[in-house]
Structures are given as structure tokens and as C-alpha cells.
């Protein structure tokens, strides 16, 4: 680059383009570059937004370790979906929406004990280690496995994807090519059908005085 000097003050005069090049890119500019496959641009977005996203995640999950994991998941999701963002200037709000959705998935999954797949129900869903409780858990495990096989293909795929494979609603939406709202309805319907199947075919595993919608998830999935 050729540098010229002011003849009176002897100070360098930089070309206009040089000054522009030194200015930091805006969020919108970084988003556009990221949408074109520039990983460095997305890395810059990550650095700018990470503190705020971790803080927001902390508000949602109330656990520092969980918040860090959630933030990582959010940025992975954002990197995969950034080309779908139509308004680059809206990146910050879009990112916060992902935090909210993924936090709901994570918290809901924790509350519903989704880690309690049929193979580990006895270990994770029972507090009483008495022989009677263990026997009941084993009976329930067997009922769940059989009950799942008696559902339709869509119900089975939906339950296994969410509860056993740990997929988020967004991931399931992509996998099944259906809106998130549809996935939620499918989950609700599949859980209800499984609970009804267990109540009909394995009544001993479900308290008869409970409405179907109140059957514990550890007894249904």
C-alpha cells in the first residue's frame, strides 16, 4: 500500500478503503459471511454473543454446568441453521429464541425423566431399593418394552426419538419433516396411547385410580 503524506504537517494520509478495512464488521455482515460458509465469521459471532447466551441459559436452567452445555448446543444449532435466517440484523433475537426453545426441551426432558429408557428404568426411576420395588420395576420395564412394540410405527419412532435417543423437538422437526407443533402433538398422542396400552394390557403397572394423562412418564416411556 502506498502511503502519502500531508506536506504541511508531514502526517500520513491513509486511503479511504484502508480505514474501512480496519473497522470491525457488523453483526449483519458477519452473518452474511457465515451464511456463505465462512466459519471464522461464525466464530466471531460466537465470541461476541457467548457471554450473553450463557447468562440467558443460566437464567433458564439455573445450573452453571447445564448452562454451558446449553450454550454450546445453541451455537451448534445456530451454525447449522444460520442460512435460514432471512434478516441478518435479527441474529441476536433469533439466537435468544433458540435458547428459549432448547432450554424448554432440556428442562422438560429433565422433569419427565426422559433418561429413564426401558433398559435403565429400575436404576434411575426408583428410590426404594427393596426387593419388592425392584421386582415391580422389572415388571414395569418388561411392560414398557412390550407396550412400545404394540404402538404404530409413527408413535414408536416419535417416542424413541425424543425419550430414548434424546433428540430435541427441533431435531425431530427436521428428521420427520414436520413443524414443531406437530411433533409436540405426536408426542402427546403417542404417550397417551402407550399409557392406555399399558393400562389395558398390563394394569398392574399403572395405578387404576390415575387418569391416563397423569400416568408417570417413567411408567409410560
Foldseek 3Di string as FASTA:
>chain_A
DDWDADPVPRHTDDDPVVVVVPDDDDQLVLLVVLLVVPVVSLVVVCVVCVVVQLVLLCVLQVDNVRSVVLSVVLSVVCSVCSNVDPRSVCVVVVSVVSSVQVSCLVVVCVVLVLQLQLVCLLPPVDDDPDPVSSVLSPVLSVLQVVLLVPDDPLLNVLSCVCRVVPDGLVRVCVVVVHDSVVSVVSPQVSQLSQLVSCCVVPVVNFPPVDDSSPTRSSSRD
